[in-house]
Amino acid sequence: MNTLRLALLVIIVLLAGSAVSEGQQPNAIPRLCLLVFEQYTLGKRPGLDAFLQTLRDLGHVDGRSIIIDYLSAEERNERFPTVAAECLRLKADVIATTTTPAALAAKNATRTIPIVMIAPGDPVGTGLVNSLAQPGGNITGTSQMIPELAAKLLQLLKEAVPEISRVLVLSYLVDPIAPLQVKAMKEAAQSLGVTLLVHDIRSADEIPAAFDAGVGEGADGLIVTAESIFLIHRAEVGQLAARHKLPAMYTAPTWVRDGGGLMAYSVAGFDVQRRAAAYVDRILKGAKPSDLPVEQPTKFELVINLKVAEALGLTIPPTLLARADEVIE
C-alpha cells in the first residue's frame, strides 16, 4: 500500500509540475508586437530607431532574447483594428504603439495585454488614459504634449515673420491628435491676428491639392500638424512649401535639418522614445502598466535654417535667433 501511495504521489507531483510549466512557460522568449503607421525601415524614423536601440541596450535583442513583430497599417489608420487583432493572434506579451490611432486600436482590442505608448501627442485628451499620474488599465508610456506645442508653433512663426496674416495648416484629421492641435492653434490665432486656413488630407496623394487650395486663399505661411503621414512625406511637403515660397514651421527638427524647412519647434532629442523602451523592459520584468505614470518631456528645442530664410527673402529677428538651440547657416 505504501509503495502504491508513493507511486501515486510521484505521478501527481509530475503532472502538477507539467501543468505549471505549460501555464507559466518560464523559458519562453517574450514577444513584443510593434504597431507602426508605415513599413519600418532603419534610418527613416530616428525616434523609432532610438526606441529599438534602447531595447537592445537593455538586453532585448530581436530573435535572441525577444521576438519583435513589426505590424504596419500601411499608412491607413483604418487598418489598425485589424493589425491590433493580429497581435492577439500572435499572443504578444507586450504591445508597443507609435501613433494615437494605433494605441486606441490596441486598447479596444485587449484589456489584459500591456500596451506601451511610444510618445503619442496627448493620451489624456484622446482618451487613451484616465490621467498621466494614474493611467489605469493596461496602458502606459510616454507623451509629447503636442496640442500645447501646436500653439507655440504659431506664436514662433508669427514672431519670425511678423507680417504673416493667413497661415495654411495641413492636417490629418482622421488622427484624433490632429483636431486637438487645430483647436489650440485657433485659440492662439485670435490673439495673434492670424487667420488659419485649415486643409485636411485623407491620404498623401491629397497634399499637393491642399497646397494649391491654401495658396489660392492667400496663404503666406505654413504649419504642418504632427502626424506620421506628414513626417513620412516631408520631402514632398518641403518641396511644395519652397515652390510656393511659404515660410513654414514644423513639428520635428528633421524637417529643417534634412527637408529644407525654415523652422521647427519640438521635444528635444529622442528621450521620450528611449524612455518608452524602458517601460517595455520594466513590464517584461513584472511591472504593471497601471502602476507606471505616463512620462512627459521636459526639454524642447527650436531649430532655424538661415539658408531657407535667405531664399525666402526673410530676416529672422535677432531676439528669436538668440533663443534658438540650433541655427543652420
Protein backbone atom coordinates (compact mmCIF):
# COMPACT_ATOMS: atom_id res chain seq x y z
CA MET A 1 0.00 0.00 0.00
CA ASN A 2 2.81 2.40 0.93
CA THR A 3 4.54 1.67 -2.38
CA LEU A 4 1.30 2.34 -4.29
CA ARG A 5 0.72 5.59 -2.43
CA LEU A 6 4.28 6.71 -3.15
CA ALA A 7 3.88 5.94 -6.85
CA LEU A 8 0.61 7.89 -6.99
CA LEU A 9 2.23 10.82 -5.19
CA VAL A 10 5.10 10.90 -7.67
CA ILE A 11 2.64 10.89 -10.60
CA ILE A 12 0.61 13.75 -9.06
CA VAL A 13 3.73 15.85 -8.49
CA LEU A 14 4.92 15.27 -12.05
CA LEU A 15 1.55 16.19 -13.52
CA ALA A 16 1.34 19.32 -11.38
CA GLY A 17 4.81 20.37 -12.42
CA SER A 18 3.91 19.83 -16.06
CA ALA A 19 0.78 21.95 -15.71
CA VAL A 20 2.70 24.80 -14.06
CA SER A 21 5.33 24.61 -16.76
CA GLU A 22 2.73 24.80 -19.53
CA GLY A 23 0.87 27.66 -17.88
CA GLN A 24 3.82 29.85 -16.95
CA GLN A 25 6.28 28.97 -19.70
CA PRO A 26 9.22 30.47 -17.77
CA ASN A 27 11.69 29.72 -20.55
CA ALA A 28 9.59 31.14 -23.40
CA ILE A 29 11.04 34.11 -25.32
CA PRO A 30 8.81 37.18 -24.75
CA ARG A 31 7.02 38.63 -27.75
CA LEU A 32 6.69 42.35 -28.50
CA CYS A 33 4.13 43.45 -31.06
CA LEU A 34 5.09 46.83 -32.56
CA LEU A 35 2.24 48.67 -34.30
CA VAL A 36 3.56 51.19 -36.83
CA PHE A 37 1.89 53.53 -39.31
CA GLU A 38 4.17 52.69 -42.23
CA GLN A 39 6.62 49.91 -43.04
CA TYR A 40 9.60 50.37 -40.74
CA THR A 41 12.97 50.98 -42.37
CA LEU A 42 16.10 51.58 -40.29
CA GLY A 43 17.21 55.19 -40.56
CA LYS A 44 13.89 56.55 -41.83
CA ARG A 45 12.35 57.10 -38.39
CA PRO A 46 15.03 58.24 -35.92
CA GLY A 47 12.63 58.15 -32.96
CA LEU A 48 11.73 54.53 -33.57
CA ASP A 49 15.41 53.73 -34.16
CA ALA A 50 16.14 55.18 -30.70
CA PHE A 51 13.38 53.07 -29.14
CA LEU A 52 14.70 49.85 -30.67
CA GLN A 53 18.34 50.62 -29.88
CA THR A 54 17.43 51.22 -26.24
CA LEU A 55 15.67 47.87 -26.14
CA ARG A 56 18.87 46.25 -27.38
CA ASP A 57 20.91 48.18 -24.80
CA LEU A 58 18.58 46.78 -22.12
CA GLY A 59 19.28 43.24 -23.32
CA HIS A 60 16.23 42.66 -25.54
CA VAL A 61 17.77 41.53 -28.83
CA ASP A 62 15.31 40.64 -31.57
CA GLY A 63 15.48 36.96 -32.46
CA ARG A 64 17.56 36.07 -29.41
CA SER A 65 16.06 37.31 -26.16
CA ILE A 66 12.84 38.74 -27.59
CA ILE A 67 10.71 38.36 -30.71
CA ILE A 68 9.56 41.64 -32.27
CA ASP A 69 6.67 41.58 -34.73
CA TYR A 70 6.55 44.70 -36.90
CA LEU A 71 2.93 45.18 -37.96
CA SER A 72 2.17 48.08 -40.31
CA ALA A 73 -1.10 49.84 -41.07
CA GLU A 74 0.42 50.70 -44.48
CA GLU A 75 -0.32 54.42 -43.97
CA ARG A 76 -4.03 53.73 -43.41
CA ASN A 77 -5.27 54.37 -39.89
CA GLU A 78 -8.45 52.39 -40.53
CA ARG A 79 -6.33 49.22 -40.70
CA PHE A 80 -5.11 49.47 -37.11
CA PRO A 81 -8.00 47.45 -35.60
CA THR A 82 -7.13 44.55 -37.91
CA VAL A 83 -3.44 44.93 -37.14
CA ALA A 84 -4.13 45.06 -33.39
CA ALA A 85 -6.18 41.87 -33.64
CA GLU A 86 -3.14 40.21 -35.22
CA CYS A 87 -1.17 40.99 -32.04
CA LEU A 88 -3.67 38.93 -30.07
CA ARG A 89 -3.37 36.05 -32.53
CA LEU A 90 0.40 36.16 -32.13
CA LYS A 91 -0.05 36.05 -28.33
CA ALA A 92 2.07 39.13 -27.72
CA ASP A 93 3.37 39.70 -24.21
CA VAL A 94 3.54 43.47 -24.78
CA ILE A 95 2.16 45.76 -27.48
CA ALA A 96 4.01 48.98 -28.37
CA THR A 97 2.35 51.69 -30.45
CA THR A 98 3.82 54.64 -32.34
CA THR A 99 0.66 56.67 -33.01
CA THR A 100 -2.58 57.59 -31.26
CA PRO A 101 -4.80 55.57 -33.67
CA ALA A 102 -2.57 52.53 -33.10
CA ALA A 103 -2.82 52.91 -29.33
CA LEU A 104 -6.60 53.32 -29.47
CA ALA A 105 -6.93 50.21 -31.63
CA ALA A 106 -4.76 48.21 -29.24
CA LYS A 107 -6.73 49.46 -26.24
CA ASN A 108 -10.00 48.42 -27.91
CA ALA A 109 -8.56 45.02 -28.78
CA THR A 110 -7.37 43.97 -25.32
CA ARG A 111 -7.77 44.88 -21.68
CA THR A 112 -5.14 42.41 -20.48
CA ILE A 113 -2.03 42.61 -22.69
CA PRO A 114 0.19 45.51 -21.53
CA ILE A 115 0.36 48.39 -24.03
CA VAL A 116 3.26 50.87 -24.14
CA MET A 117 2.71 54.16 -25.97
CA ILE A 118 5.78 55.49 -27.79
CA ALA A 119 5.27 59.24 -27.38
CA PRO A 120 1.76 59.93 -28.73
CA GLY A 121 0.52 63.50 -28.78
CA ASP A 122 -1.98 63.71 -25.92
CA PRO A 123 -3.01 60.41 -24.26
CA VAL A 124 -5.44 62.10 -21.86
CA GLY A 125 -7.11 64.33 -24.46
CA THR A 126 -7.59 61.43 -26.85
CA GLY A 127 -8.99 59.10 -24.17
CA LEU A 128 -6.11 56.64 -24.01
CA VAL A 129 -5.56 57.03 -20.26
CA ASN A 130 -7.51 58.45 -17.34
CA SER A 131 -4.64 60.69 -16.25
CA LEU A 132 -0.88 60.91 -16.64
CA ALA A 133 -0.26 60.16 -12.98
CA GLN A 134 -2.70 57.25 -12.82
CA PRO A 135 -3.20 55.88 -16.34
CA GLY A 136 -5.29 52.93 -15.12
CA GLY A 137 -5.94 49.75 -17.08
CA ASN A 138 -3.29 48.11 -19.22
CA ILE A 139 -1.75 51.11 -20.98
CA THR A 140 1.10 53.49 -20.16
CA GLY A 141 4.18 55.01 -21.79
CA THR A 142 5.37 58.47 -22.80
CA SER A 143 3.71 61.58 -24.24
CA GLN A 144 4.81 64.59 -26.33
CA MET A 145 2.30 67.31 -25.26
CA ILE A 146 1.53 68.01 -28.93
CA PRO A 147 -1.54 70.34 -28.54
CA GLU A 148 0.44 72.66 -26.27
CA LEU A 149 3.26 72.68 -28.79
CA ALA A 150 0.85 73.49 -31.64
CA ALA A 151 0.01 76.90 -30.20
CA LYS A 152 3.71 77.57 -29.71
CA LEU A 153 4.37 76.79 -33.40
CA LEU A 154 2.01 79.55 -34.48
CA GLN A 155 3.45 82.04 -31.98
CA LEU A 156 7.01 81.38 -33.16
CA LEU A 157 6.08 81.62 -36.85
CA LYS A 158 4.39 84.97 -36.23
CA GLU A 159 7.45 86.18 -34.30
CA ALA A 160 9.78 85.11 -37.11
CA VAL A 161 7.63 86.68 -39.84
CA PRO A 162 5.50 89.42 -38.22
CA GLU A 163 3.73 90.31 -41.47
CA ILE A 164 2.15 86.85 -41.75
CA SER A 165 -1.64 87.03 -41.62
CA ARG A 166 -3.01 83.89 -43.30
CA VAL A 167 -1.45 80.55 -42.38
CA LEU A 168 -2.11 77.32 -44.22
CA VAL A 169 -2.47 74.45 -41.74
CA LEU A 170 -2.02 70.99 -43.21
CA SER A 171 -3.83 68.49 -41.03
CA TYR A 172 -4.72 64.81 -40.95
CA LEU A 173 -7.97 64.88 -39.01
CA VAL A 174 -8.54 61.11 -39.07
CA ASP A 175 -5.86 61.03 -36.37
CA PRO A 176 -7.51 62.09 -33.07
CA ILE A 177 -4.48 64.20 -32.12
CA ALA A 178 -4.95 66.50 -35.15
CA PRO A 179 -8.22 68.22 -34.06
CA LEU A 180 -6.67 69.00 -30.68
CA GLN A 181 -3.77 70.75 -32.39
CA VAL A 182 -6.05 72.71 -34.70
CA LYS A 183 -8.16 73.78 -31.72
CA ALA A 184 -5.08 75.01 -29.84
CA MET A 185 -3.87 76.95 -32.87
CA LYS A 186 -7.26 78.56 -33.44
CA GLU A 187 -7.29 79.81 -29.87
CA ALA A 188 -3.80 81.26 -30.28
CA ALA A 189 -4.62 82.76 -33.70
CA GLN A 190 -7.24 85.10 -32.23
CA SER A 191 -4.72 86.99 -30.10
CA LEU A 192 -2.07 86.93 -32.84
CA GLY A 193 -4.32 88.42 -35.50
CA VAL A 194 -3.81 85.44 -37.79
CA THR A 195 -6.37 83.64 -39.95
CA LEU A 196 -5.92 79.88 -40.20
CA LEU A 197 -6.65 78.11 -43.48
CA VAL A 198 -7.08 74.51 -42.33
CA HIS A 199 -6.90 71.92 -45.08
CA ASP A 200 -7.38 68.29 -44.15
CA ILE A 201 -5.97 65.40 -46.14
CA ARG A 202 -7.07 61.77 -46.16
CA SER A 203 -4.02 60.41 -47.96
CA ALA A 204 -0.62 61.61 -49.10
CA ASP A 205 -1.97 61.97 -52.65
CA GLU A 206 -4.01 64.97 -51.47
CA ILE A 207 -1.04 67.02 -50.23
CA PRO A 208 -0.42 68.96 -53.49
CA ALA A 209 -4.10 69.88 -53.79
CA ALA A 210 -4.13 71.12 -50.19
CA PHE A 211 -1.21 73.43 -51.00
CA ASP A 212 -2.92 74.71 -54.14
CA ALA A 213 -6.11 75.42 -52.21
CA GLY A 214 -4.32 77.21 -49.40
CA VAL A 215 -2.23 79.35 -51.72
CA GLY A 216 -5.38 80.18 -53.68
CA GLU A 217 -6.87 81.51 -50.46
CA GLY A 218 -3.89 83.79 -49.90
CA ALA A 219 -1.76 81.75 -47.51
CA ASP A 220 1.51 83.45 -46.62
CA GLY A 221 2.76 80.88 -44.09
CA LEU A 222 2.57 77.15 -43.36
CA ILE A 223 2.23 74.90 -40.32
CA VAL A 224 2.03 71.11 -40.57
CA THR A 225 0.40 69.21 -37.71
CA ALA A 226 2.28 66.39 -36.01
CA GLU A 227 1.09 63.20 -37.68
CA SER A 228 3.21 60.41 -39.11
CA ILE A 229 1.86 60.81 -42.63
CA PHE A 230 3.45 64.25 -42.96
CA LEU A 231 6.76 63.18 -41.47
CA ILE A 232 6.96 60.27 -43.91
CA HIS A 233 6.29 62.59 -46.85
CA ARG A 234 8.30 65.55 -45.53
CA ALA A 235 10.42 65.79 -48.68
CA GLU A 236 7.34 66.42 -50.82
CA VAL A 237 5.90 68.86 -48.27
CA GLY A 238 9.19 70.75 -48.13
CA GLN A 239 9.42 70.98 -51.91
CA LEU A 240 5.87 72.31 -52.18
CA ALA A 241 6.48 74.87 -49.43
CA ALA A 242 9.60 76.08 -51.27
CA ARG A 243 7.79 76.18 -54.61
CA HIS A 244 5.03 78.33 -53.16
CA LYS A 245 7.54 80.42 -51.14
CA LEU A 246 5.80 79.72 -47.84
CA PRO A 247 7.76 80.20 -44.62
CA ALA A 248 6.98 77.04 -42.69
CA MET A 249 7.02 75.93 -39.07
CA TYR A 250 7.35 72.19 -38.43
CA THR A 251 6.96 69.75 -35.57
CA ALA A 252 10.35 67.99 -35.75
CA PRO A 253 13.92 69.20 -36.43
CA THR A 254 14.25 66.57 -39.15
CA TRP A 255 12.18 68.85 -41.39
CA VAL A 256 14.75 71.63 -41.00
CA ARG A 257 17.95 69.59 -41.00
CA ASP A 258 17.03 67.22 -43.83
CA GLY A 259 13.96 68.64 -45.53
CA GLY A 260 14.91 72.27 -46.06
CA GLY A 261 12.27 73.69 -43.72
CA LEU A 262 12.54 77.16 -42.19
CA MET A 263 11.92 76.38 -38.51
CA ALA A 264 10.94 73.59 -36.15
CA TYR A 265 9.95 73.51 -32.51
CA SER A 266 9.63 70.15 -30.80
CA VAL A 267 10.57 67.86 -27.97
CA ALA A 268 14.36 67.77 -27.81
CA GLY A 269 16.12 64.62 -28.96
CA PHE A 270 14.54 61.19 -28.66
CA ASP A 271 14.46 60.73 -24.91
CA VAL A 272 10.70 60.09 -24.86
CA GLN A 273 11.19 57.20 -27.29
CA ARG A 274 14.07 55.81 -25.24
CA ARG A 275 12.01 56.08 -22.08
CA ALA A 276 9.22 54.11 -23.79
CA ALA A 277 11.69 51.26 -24.31
CA ALA A 278 12.44 51.35 -20.59
CA TYR A 279 8.70 50.88 -19.95
CA VAL A 280 8.72 47.73 -22.09
CA ASP A 281 11.71 46.48 -20.12
CA ARG A 282 10.04 47.10 -16.76
CA ILE A 283 6.80 45.42 -17.84
CA LEU A 284 8.64 42.36 -19.13
CA LYS A 285 10.27 42.18 -15.70
CA GLY A 286 6.89 42.15 -13.97
CA ALA A 287 5.74 45.76 -13.57
CA LYS A 288 2.05 46.56 -14.14
CA PRO A 289 1.13 49.33 -16.62
CA SER A 290 -1.41 50.75 -14.16
CA ASP A 291 1.41 51.38 -11.67
CA LEU A 292 3.59 53.31 -14.16
CA PRO A 293 2.71 57.01 -14.65
CA VAL A 294 2.86 58.39 -18.18
CA GLU A 295 6.00 60.47 -18.64
CA GLN A 296 6.06 63.90 -20.28
CA PRO A 297 9.02 65.61 -21.94
CA THR A 298 10.97 68.28 -20.11
CA LYS A 299 13.26 69.60 -22.84
CA PHE A 300 12.31 71.31 -26.09
CA GLU A 301 14.32 72.74 -28.96
CA LEU A 302 13.99 75.46 -31.58
CA VAL A 303 15.88 74.94 -34.86
CA ILE A 304 16.15 77.68 -37.51
CA ASN A 305 17.54 77.36 -41.03
CA LEU A 306 19.00 80.68 -42.18
CA LYS A 307 19.68 79.32 -45.67
CA VAL A 308 15.95 78.86 -46.15
CA ALA A 309 15.24 82.27 -44.63
CA GLU A 310 17.61 83.88 -47.14
CA ALA A 311 15.99 82.01 -50.05
CA LEU A 312 12.60 83.34 -48.90
CA GLY A 313 13.93 86.88 -48.51
CA LEU A 314 13.35 86.85 -44.74
CA THR A 315 15.35 88.35 -41.89
CA ILE A 316 14.83 86.40 -38.69
CA PRO A 317 14.70 88.74 -35.66
CA PRO A 318 17.91 88.61 -33.60
CA THR A 319 15.91 88.05 -30.42
CA LEU A 320 14.50 84.83 -31.90
CA LEU A 321 17.88 83.68 -33.19
CA ALA A 322 19.30 84.18 -29.71
CA ARG A 323 16.73 81.75 -28.29
CA ALA A 324 17.34 79.08 -30.93
CA ASP A 325 19.01 75.86 -29.83
CA GLU A 326 20.42 75.31 -33.33
CA VAL A 327 20.93 77.70 -36.23
CA ILE A 328 21.76 76.26 -39.64
CA GLU A 329 23.79 78.68 -41.78
